[in-house]
Structure formats: C-alpha cells, structure tokens
Amino acid sequence: MKTRIEKYNDRNWAVWLSDGEKEGLVCVTVYKKGALEVKNILDALIRIKGL
C-alpha cells in the first residue's frame, strides 16, 4: 500500500491511500503539515501491519 499527498481544490490538501488496484481518499486537510502528519501515521501503520 502507498500513501500520497496532493493539492485538493485551491486551499486544501488530500491524503490518498492506494493498493495498486484501488485508490481512496483518506482525508482532506487545510494545512499541508496536517496532511503530512496523517500520511506519516498511515505509513507507520502500514509498516507495522506489513501491508
């Protein structure tokens, strides 16, 4: 599984989760720093679970 951050609309940031076949929106934040924190937490959980 992979996570990524991209600009969402004009002012927001989106965090996406992908397994290679499917992709889903996890959350939308106002600040890039918040999106990075969500991404870091998801990446850590993915490493722990071994996905």
N, C-alpha and C. Protein backbone atom coordinates (compact mmCIF):
# COMPACT_ATOMS: atom_id res chain seq x y z
N MET A 1 0.84 -1.18 0.00
CA MET A 1 0.00 0.00 0.00
C MET A 1 0.88 1.24 0.00
N LYS A 2 0.38 2.26 -0.65
CA LYS A 2 1.12 3.51 -0.74
C LYS A 2 0.20 4.67 -0.38
N THR A 3 0.79 5.67 0.22
CA THR A 3 0.06 6.90 0.52
C THR A 3 0.69 8.04 -0.27
N ARG A 4 -0.14 9.02 -0.57
CA ARG A 4 0.39 10.21 -1.24
C ARG A 4 -0.44 11.42 -0.86
N ILE A 5 0.18 12.57 -1.03
CA ILE A 5 -0.47 13.85 -0.73
C ILE A 5 -0.50 14.65 -2.02
N GLU A 6 -1.62 15.31 -2.26
CA GLU A 6 -1.69 16.21 -3.41
C GLU A 6 -2.62 17.38 -3.09
N LYS A 7 -2.44 18.44 -3.84
CA LYS A 7 -3.28 19.63 -3.69
C LYS A 7 -4.73 19.26 -4.02
N TYR A 8 -5.66 19.77 -3.24
CA TYR A 8 -7.08 19.46 -3.41
C TYR A 8 -7.84 20.78 -3.43
N ASN A 9 -8.43 21.10 -4.56
CA ASN A 9 -9.04 22.41 -4.78
C ASN A 9 -7.98 23.49 -4.67
N ASP A 10 -8.32 24.66 -4.25
CA ASP A 10 -7.35 25.76 -4.20
C ASP A 10 -6.58 25.83 -2.90
N ARG A 11 -7.24 25.46 -1.80
CA ARG A 11 -6.64 25.73 -0.49
C ARG A 11 -6.37 24.50 0.35
N ASN A 12 -6.75 23.33 -0.09
CA ASN A 12 -6.69 22.15 0.76
C ASN A 12 -5.69 21.12 0.24
N TRP A 13 -5.42 20.14 1.11
CA TRP A 13 -4.52 19.04 0.79
C TRP A 13 -5.25 17.72 1.02
N ALA A 14 -5.07 16.77 0.10
CA ALA A 14 -5.73 15.47 0.20
C ALA A 14 -4.69 14.39 0.46
N VAL A 15 -5.06 13.43 1.29
CA VAL A 15 -4.23 12.24 1.54
C VAL A 15 -4.94 11.06 0.89
N TRP A 16 -4.24 10.36 0.01
CA TRP A 16 -4.79 9.23 -0.73
C TRP A 16 -4.08 7.95 -0.33
N LEU A 17 -4.81 6.85 -0.30
CA LEU A 17 -4.27 5.52 0.01
C LEU A 17 -4.54 4.62 -1.18
N SER A 18 -3.50 3.93 -1.66
CA SER A 18 -3.63 3.10 -2.85
C SER A 18 -3.01 1.73 -2.60
N ASP A 19 -3.65 0.69 -3.14
CA ASP A 19 -3.09 -0.66 -3.03
C ASP A 19 -2.62 -1.18 -4.39
N GLY A 20 -2.50 -0.32 -5.37
CA GLY A 20 -2.09 -0.72 -6.70
C GLY A 20 -3.25 -0.87 -7.65
N GLU A 21 -4.36 -1.36 -7.16
CA GLU A 21 -5.56 -1.51 -8.00
C GLU A 21 -6.60 -0.44 -7.67
N LYS A 22 -6.84 -0.26 -6.39
CA LYS A 22 -7.85 0.71 -5.94
C LYS A 22 -7.16 1.86 -5.24
N GLU A 23 -7.85 2.99 -5.27
CA GLU A 23 -7.34 4.17 -4.58
C GLU A 23 -8.50 4.85 -3.88
N GLY A 24 -8.24 5.35 -2.67
CA GLY A 24 -9.29 6.02 -1.92
C GLY A 24 -8.80 7.25 -1.21
N LEU A 25 -9.68 8.21 -1.10
CA LEU A 25 -9.39 9.44 -0.37
C LEU A 25 -9.53 9.17 1.12
N VAL A 26 -8.48 9.45 1.87
CA VAL A 26 -8.49 9.22 3.32
C VAL A 26 -9.00 10.45 4.04
N CYS A 27 -8.43 11.61 3.72
CA CYS A 27 -8.88 12.84 4.38
C CYS A 27 -8.46 14.05 3.57
N VAL A 28 -9.07 15.18 3.89
CA VAL A 28 -8.72 16.47 3.31
C VAL A 28 -8.40 17.40 4.48
N THR A 29 -7.25 18.07 4.38
CA THR A 29 -6.83 18.99 5.44
C THR A 29 -6.65 20.39 4.86
N VAL A 30 -6.64 21.36 5.74
CA VAL A 30 -6.41 22.74 5.32
C VAL A 30 -4.92 22.99 5.17
N TYR A 31 -4.12 22.41 6.06
CA TYR A 31 -2.69 22.66 6.06
C TYR A 31 -1.91 21.45 5.57
N LYS A 32 -0.86 21.72 4.82
CA LYS A 32 -0.01 20.63 4.31
C LYS A 32 0.64 19.88 5.47
N LYS A 33 0.98 20.59 6.53
CA LYS A 33 1.59 19.96 7.70
C LYS A 33 0.66 18.90 8.29
N GLY A 34 -0.62 19.17 8.33
CA GLY A 34 -1.60 18.19 8.83
C GLY A 34 -1.68 16.99 7.92
N ALA A 35 -1.65 17.21 6.60
CA ALA A 35 -1.68 16.11 5.64
C ALA A 35 -0.43 15.24 5.79
N LEU A 36 0.72 15.87 5.99
CA LEU A 36 1.96 15.10 6.18
C LEU A 36 1.90 14.25 7.44
N GLU A 37 1.30 14.77 8.49
CA GLU A 37 1.18 14.01 9.73
C GLU A 37 0.27 12.80 9.54
N VAL A 38 -0.85 12.98 8.86
CA VAL A 38 -1.75 11.85 8.57
C VAL A 38 -1.02 10.81 7.73
N LYS A 39 -0.28 11.27 6.72
CA LYS A 39 0.49 10.35 5.86
C LYS A 39 1.52 9.58 6.67
N ASN A 40 2.23 10.26 7.56
CA ASN A 40 3.25 9.59 8.38
C ASN A 40 2.62 8.53 9.28
N ILE A 41 1.48 8.82 9.86
CA ILE A 41 0.79 7.84 10.71
C ILE A 41 0.34 6.64 9.90
N LEU A 42 -0.24 6.88 8.72
CA LEU A 42 -0.66 5.77 7.86
C LEU A 42 0.54 4.93 7.42
N ASP A 43 1.64 5.58 7.05
CA ASP A 43 2.84 4.84 6.64
C ASP A 43 3.37 3.97 7.78
N ALA A 44 3.34 4.49 9.01
CA ALA A 44 3.78 3.72 10.16
C ALA A 44 2.87 2.51 10.40
N LEU A 45 1.58 2.71 10.29
CA LEU A 45 0.64 1.59 10.47
C LEU A 45 0.82 0.53 9.38
N ILE A 46 1.07 0.96 8.16
CA ILE A 46 1.30 0.03 7.07
C ILE A 46 2.57 -0.79 7.33
N ARG A 47 3.63 -0.14 7.83
CA ARG A 47 4.88 -0.87 8.16
C ARG A 47 4.65 -1.88 9.28
N ILE A 48 3.90 -1.47 10.31
CA ILE A 48 3.64 -2.36 11.45
C ILE A 48 2.83 -3.57 11.02
N LYS A 49 1.82 -3.34 10.21
CA LYS A 49 0.95 -4.43 9.76
C LYS A 49 1.59 -5.26 8.65
N GLY A 50 2.63 -4.74 8.02
CA GLY A 50 3.31 -5.45 6.97
C GLY A 50 2.52 -5.54 5.68
N LEU A 51 1.78 -4.51 5.36
CA LEU A 51 0.96 -4.49 4.15
C LEU A 51 1.74 -4.00 2.95
